[in-house]
N, C-alpha and C. Protein backbone atom coordinates (compact mmCIF):
# COMPACT_ATOMS: atom_id res chain seq x y z
N MET A 1 30.44 24.86 12.26
CA MET A 1 30.77 23.49 12.33
C MET A 1 29.28 22.83 11.84
N GLU A 2 29.50 22.01 10.62
CA GLU A 2 28.31 21.33 10.25
C GLU A 2 28.11 20.00 10.98
N THR A 3 26.74 19.70 11.28
CA THR A 3 26.45 18.44 11.89
C THR A 3 26.44 17.37 10.81
N ARG A 4 26.94 16.05 11.02
CA ARG A 4 26.80 15.07 10.17
C ARG A 4 25.92 14.16 10.73
N ILE A 5 25.34 13.21 9.72
CA ILE A 5 24.45 12.34 10.14
C ILE A 5 25.16 11.03 10.38
N ASN A 6 25.24 10.47 11.53
CA ASN A 6 26.10 9.08 11.89
C ASN A 6 25.00 8.09 11.87
N THR A 7 25.62 6.90 11.75
CA THR A 7 24.78 5.70 11.86
C THR A 7 24.38 5.46 13.23
N HIS A 8 23.04 4.92 13.29
CA HIS A 8 22.81 4.74 14.74
C HIS A 8 21.96 3.30 14.45
N ARG A 9 22.43 2.46 15.67
CA ARG A 9 22.16 1.03 15.49
C ARG A 9 22.32 0.41 14.44
N GLY A 10 23.24 0.70 13.58
CA GLY A 10 23.75 0.11 12.16
C GLY A 10 22.90 0.55 11.20
N ASN A 11 22.08 1.54 11.27
CA ASN A 11 21.43 2.10 10.29
C ASN A 11 21.29 3.66 10.40
N LYS A 12 20.98 4.28 9.23
CA LYS A 12 21.01 5.63 9.52
C LYS A 12 19.75 6.29 10.34
N MET A 13 20.02 7.14 11.12
CA MET A 13 19.07 7.87 12.24
C MET A 13 17.73 8.21 11.44
N GLU A 14 16.75 7.65 12.35
CA GLU A 14 15.48 8.28 11.73
C GLU A 14 15.49 9.71 11.80
N PHE A 15 14.84 10.47 10.85
CA PHE A 15 14.97 11.91 10.90
C PHE A 15 14.52 12.71 12.15
N GLY A 16 13.58 12.11 12.85
CA GLY A 16 13.07 12.64 14.03
C GLY A 16 14.22 12.63 15.12
N GLU A 17 14.94 11.37 15.09
CA GLU A 17 16.01 11.39 15.96
C GLU A 17 17.12 12.29 15.55
N PHE A 18 17.46 12.48 14.31
CA PHE A 18 18.37 13.36 13.91
C PHE A 18 17.94 14.77 14.33
N LEU A 19 16.73 14.97 14.11
CA LEU A 19 16.16 16.54 14.26
C LEU A 19 16.55 16.92 15.74
N ARG A 20 16.14 15.92 16.66
CA ARG A 20 16.05 16.08 18.16
C ARG A 20 17.47 16.27 18.62
N PHE A 21 18.23 15.42 18.17
CA PHE A 21 19.70 15.32 18.59
C PHE A 21 20.19 16.57 18.16
N THR A 22 20.27 17.16 16.95
CA THR A 22 20.84 18.25 16.46
C THR A 22 20.15 19.50 17.25
N ARG A 23 18.86 19.56 17.44
CA ARG A 23 18.32 20.71 18.03
C ARG A 23 18.90 21.05 19.43
N LEU A 24 18.95 19.85 20.21
CA LEU A 24 19.35 19.85 21.62
C LEU A 24 20.71 20.12 21.62
N LYS A 25 21.53 19.66 20.70
CA LYS A 25 23.14 20.14 20.44
C LYS A 25 23.26 21.50 20.53
N THR A 26 22.32 22.34 19.77
CA THR A 26 22.34 23.72 19.47
C THR A 26 21.69 24.52 20.59
N ASP A 27 20.88 23.71 21.51
CA ASP A 27 20.72 24.39 22.78
C ASP A 27 19.35 25.40 22.28
N ILE A 28 18.49 24.81 21.49
CA ILE A 28 17.35 25.77 20.95
C ILE A 28 16.18 24.90 21.46
N SER A 29 15.07 25.76 21.76
CA SER A 29 13.82 24.82 22.17
C SER A 29 13.10 24.57 20.94
N LEU A 30 12.12 23.72 21.25
CA LEU A 30 11.33 23.17 20.07
C LEU A 30 10.56 24.20 19.51
N ARG A 31 9.79 24.99 20.53
CA ARG A 31 9.04 25.94 20.44
C ARG A 31 9.82 27.20 19.52
N GLN A 32 10.93 27.49 19.99
CA GLN A 32 11.74 28.64 19.32
C GLN A 32 12.08 28.21 17.96
N LEU A 33 12.60 26.84 17.68
CA LEU A 33 12.94 26.48 16.39
C LEU A 33 11.55 26.53 15.53
N ALA A 34 10.22 26.06 15.98
CA ALA A 34 9.17 25.83 15.23
C ALA A 34 8.86 27.33 14.60
N LEU A 35 8.82 28.50 15.87
CA LEU A 35 8.62 29.75 15.49
C LEU A 35 9.54 30.44 14.27
N ARG A 36 10.91 30.16 14.31
CA ARG A 36 11.97 30.37 13.47
C ARG A 36 11.59 30.09 11.92
N ILE A 37 11.13 28.77 11.65
CA ILE A 37 11.05 28.47 10.57
C ILE A 37 9.45 28.35 10.02
N GLY A 38 8.57 28.86 10.92
CA GLY A 38 7.11 28.98 10.44
C GLY A 38 6.19 27.80 10.47
N VAL A 39 6.56 26.84 11.36
CA VAL A 39 5.76 25.70 11.49
C VAL A 39 5.28 25.60 13.10
N SER A 40 4.47 24.81 13.45
CA SER A 40 3.82 24.66 14.51
C SER A 40 4.66 23.92 15.51
N ALA A 41 4.80 24.14 16.89
CA ALA A 41 5.59 23.20 17.91
C ALA A 41 4.89 21.79 17.75
N THR A 42 3.73 21.64 17.70
CA THR A 42 3.03 20.48 17.80
C THR A 42 3.53 19.73 16.57
N TYR A 43 3.66 20.15 15.31
CA TYR A 43 4.08 19.63 14.21
C TYR A 43 5.68 19.01 14.42
N MET A 44 6.33 20.13 14.74
CA MET A 44 7.77 19.74 15.15
C MET A 44 7.85 18.51 16.30
N SER A 45 7.16 18.71 17.27
CA SER A 45 7.18 17.61 18.29
C SER A 45 6.87 16.30 17.75
N LYS A 46 5.99 16.11 16.70
CA LYS A 46 5.47 14.91 15.89
C LYS A 46 6.54 14.30 15.06
N ILE A 47 7.20 15.10 14.60
CA ILE A 47 8.22 14.77 13.65
C ILE A 47 9.36 14.13 14.56
N GLU A 48 9.80 14.95 15.63
CA GLU A 48 10.92 14.52 16.43
C GLU A 48 10.42 12.99 17.09
N ARG A 49 9.26 12.84 17.41
CA ARG A 49 8.95 11.53 17.85
C ARG A 49 8.53 10.38 17.00
N GLY A 50 8.75 10.86 15.74
CA GLY A 50 8.45 9.88 14.60
C GLY A 50 7.03 9.47 14.25
N GLU A 51 6.28 10.44 14.62
CA GLU A 51 4.61 10.11 14.34
C GLU A 51 4.45 10.76 12.92
N PHE A 52 5.33 11.70 12.49
CA PHE A 52 5.12 12.03 11.19
C PHE A 52 6.48 11.67 10.25
N PRO A 53 6.20 11.64 9.10
CA PRO A 53 7.66 11.49 8.20
C PRO A 53 8.37 13.06 8.23
N PRO A 54 9.61 12.58 7.46
CA PRO A 54 10.38 13.76 7.31
C PRO A 54 9.38 14.95 6.74
N PRO A 55 9.52 16.14 7.21
CA PRO A 55 8.94 17.24 6.28
C PRO A 55 9.41 17.59 4.93
N SER A 56 8.89 18.49 4.38
CA SER A 56 9.38 18.93 2.98
C SER A 56 10.69 19.34 2.84
N CYS A 57 11.19 19.45 1.65
CA CYS A 57 12.50 19.96 1.52
C CYS A 57 12.61 21.41 2.13
N ARG A 58 11.41 22.05 1.81
CA ARG A 58 11.36 23.59 2.26
C ARG A 58 11.78 23.59 3.82
N VAL A 59 10.96 22.82 4.38
CA VAL A 59 11.26 22.63 5.85
C VAL A 59 12.64 22.15 6.11
N ILE A 60 12.86 21.24 5.74
CA ILE A 60 14.32 20.73 6.07
C ILE A 60 15.41 21.57 5.93
N ILE A 61 15.47 22.54 4.84
CA ILE A 61 16.29 23.45 4.12
C ILE A 61 16.36 24.68 5.39
N ALA A 62 15.25 25.12 5.87
CA ALA A 62 14.84 26.02 6.95
C ALA A 62 15.65 25.58 8.26
N LEU A 63 15.41 24.30 8.49
CA LEU A 63 16.10 23.66 9.85
C LEU A 63 17.66 23.81 9.68
N GLY A 64 18.01 23.32 8.61
CA GLY A 64 19.25 23.35 8.31
C GLY A 64 20.07 24.56 8.48
N ARG A 65 19.28 25.69 8.06
CA ARG A 65 19.78 27.05 8.43
C ARG A 65 19.87 27.38 9.78
N GLU A 66 18.75 27.13 10.56
CA GLU A 66 18.82 27.24 11.94
C GLU A 66 19.77 26.38 12.92
N LEU A 67 19.91 25.21 12.36
CA LEU A 67 20.50 24.12 13.07
C LEU A 67 22.11 23.90 12.67
N ASN A 68 22.23 24.54 11.58
CA ASN A 68 23.78 24.38 11.16
C ASN A 68 23.99 22.92 10.47
N PHE A 69 23.10 22.65 9.46
CA PHE A 69 23.42 21.46 8.51
C PHE A 69 23.03 21.75 7.17
N ASN A 70 23.54 21.11 6.47
CA ASN A 70 23.17 21.20 5.03
C ASN A 70 21.88 20.56 4.50
N GLY A 71 21.04 21.41 4.42
CA GLY A 71 19.55 21.09 4.33
C GLY A 71 19.36 20.19 3.00
N GLU A 72 19.93 20.69 2.08
CA GLU A 72 19.75 19.90 0.69
C GLU A 72 20.43 18.39 0.82
N LEU A 73 21.55 18.32 1.57
CA LEU A 73 21.98 16.95 1.64
C LEU A 73 21.26 16.14 2.62
N VAL A 74 20.70 16.58 3.75
CA VAL A 74 20.02 16.00 4.46
C VAL A 74 18.52 15.73 3.93
N SER A 75 17.88 16.44 3.28
CA SER A 75 16.71 16.19 2.43
C SER A 75 16.78 14.78 1.45
N MET A 76 17.90 14.96 0.81
CA MET A 76 18.29 13.79 -0.09
C MET A 76 18.51 12.31 0.70
N LYS A 77 19.21 12.67 1.81
CA LYS A 77 19.37 11.27 2.62
C LYS A 77 18.14 10.80 3.07
N TYR A 78 17.25 11.50 3.26
CA TYR A 78 15.87 11.17 3.69
C TYR A 78 14.79 11.13 2.53
N GLY A 79 15.24 10.74 1.13
CA GLY A 79 14.40 10.62 0.33
C GLY A 79 13.65 11.65 -0.53
N LYS A 80 14.07 13.06 -0.09
CA LYS A 80 13.50 14.29 -0.65
C LYS A 80 14.52 14.92 -1.56
N ILE A 81 14.13 15.22 -2.67
CA ILE A 81 14.93 15.96 -3.66
C ILE A 81 14.55 17.15 -3.79
N PRO A 82 15.54 18.32 -3.25
CA PRO A 82 14.90 19.60 -3.44
C PRO A 82 14.72 20.14 -5.11
N ASP A 83 14.04 20.95 -5.05
CA ASP A 83 13.50 21.34 -6.54
C ASP A 83 14.66 21.86 -7.30
N ASN A 84 15.57 22.53 -6.89
CA ASN A 84 16.79 22.95 -7.71
C ASN A 84 17.65 21.84 -7.98
N ILE A 85 17.94 20.85 -7.19
CA ILE A 85 18.45 19.58 -7.85
C ILE A 85 17.84 18.74 -8.47
N MET A 86 16.37 18.62 -8.54
CA MET A 86 15.73 17.96 -9.51
C MET A 86 15.68 18.53 -10.86
N PHE A 87 15.56 20.14 -10.78
CA PHE A 87 15.98 20.60 -12.01
C PHE A 87 17.12 20.03 -12.81
N ILE A 88 18.25 20.13 -12.10
CA ILE A 88 19.62 19.71 -12.71
C ILE A 88 19.52 18.33 -13.16
N ILE A 89 18.99 17.41 -12.51
CA ILE A 89 18.69 15.92 -12.89
C ILE A 89 17.90 15.87 -13.98
N GLN A 90 17.09 16.85 -14.17
CA GLN A 90 16.00 16.61 -15.48
C GLN A 90 16.85 17.24 -16.74
N GLN A 91 17.46 18.26 -16.49
CA GLN A 91 18.39 18.77 -17.45
C GLN A 91 19.53 17.82 -18.11
N HIS A 92 20.07 17.22 -17.05
CA HIS A 92 21.29 16.41 -17.34
C HIS A 92 21.07 14.93 -17.11
N THR A 93 19.93 14.33 -17.38
CA THR A 93 19.52 12.88 -17.04
C THR A 93 20.40 12.04 -17.55
N ALA A 94 21.04 11.98 -18.60
CA ALA A 94 21.89 10.98 -19.18
C ALA A 94 23.13 11.09 -18.39
N ASP A 95 23.75 12.08 -18.19
CA ASP A 95 25.18 12.31 -17.38
C ASP A 95 24.74 11.85 -16.05
N VAL A 96 23.67 12.24 -15.34
CA VAL A 96 23.43 11.85 -13.75
C VAL A 96 23.37 10.22 -13.97
N LEU A 97 22.78 9.71 -14.89
CA LEU A 97 22.41 8.30 -14.89
C LEU A 97 23.77 7.66 -15.05
N HIS A 98 24.72 8.13 -15.96
CA HIS A 98 26.06 7.26 -16.14
C HIS A 98 26.70 7.71 -14.89
N ALA A 99 26.73 8.68 -14.28
CA ALA A 99 27.53 8.95 -12.77
C ALA A 99 27.18 7.92 -11.75
N ILE A 100 25.81 7.80 -11.89
CA ILE A 100 25.22 6.83 -10.64
C ILE A 100 25.72 5.42 -11.18
N GLN A 101 25.69 5.17 -12.49
CA GLN A 101 26.29 3.64 -13.05
C GLN A 101 27.84 3.65 -12.53
N ASP A 102 28.54 4.56 -12.77
CA ASP A 102 29.78 4.32 -12.29
C ASP A 102 30.16 4.29 -10.99
N ILE A 103 29.23 4.94 -10.06
CA ILE A 103 29.64 4.87 -8.61
C ILE A 103 29.10 3.31 -8.24
N VAL A 104 27.98 2.80 -8.80
CA VAL A 104 27.49 1.61 -8.60
C VAL A 104 28.50 0.39 -8.95
N GLU A 105 29.19 0.56 -10.21
CA GLU A 105 30.14 -0.18 -10.75
C GLU A 105 31.53 -0.32 -9.55
N LYS A 106 31.80 0.94 -9.29
CA LYS A 106 33.04 1.12 -8.33
C LYS A 106 32.89 0.41 -7.09
N ASN A 107 31.52 0.46 -6.68
CA ASN A 107 31.16 -0.16 -5.09
C ASN A 107 30.94 -1.79 -5.21
N THR A 108 30.98 -2.21 -6.54
CA THR A 108 30.55 -3.73 -6.61
C THR A 108 31.76 -4.07 -6.88
N GLU A 109 32.87 -3.71 -7.22
CA GLU A 109 34.53 -4.16 -7.36
C GLU A 109 34.98 -4.60 -6.20
């Protein structure tokens, strides 16, 4: 089952809140998770407390594998574009721009 990012106080959850909520829901300790993805527990703790911004796409994707969420989607929701997605955007810039313009137009009708 994939975890979804829900709105929190009318806005999207801060990444640290999302990470802590998801980690606790899967019943994994902060230290265990940090060890599994190759970062320090201190770093993870600071992310969860909002002292650090969201980590790199690589780390978010690794977190997704461990915590059962789509790391690429979550990366983009928090302003980070994975390399494979950026490659597609660069190869198909005009198509991507037109698709975004279509979405914007549909949302303003």
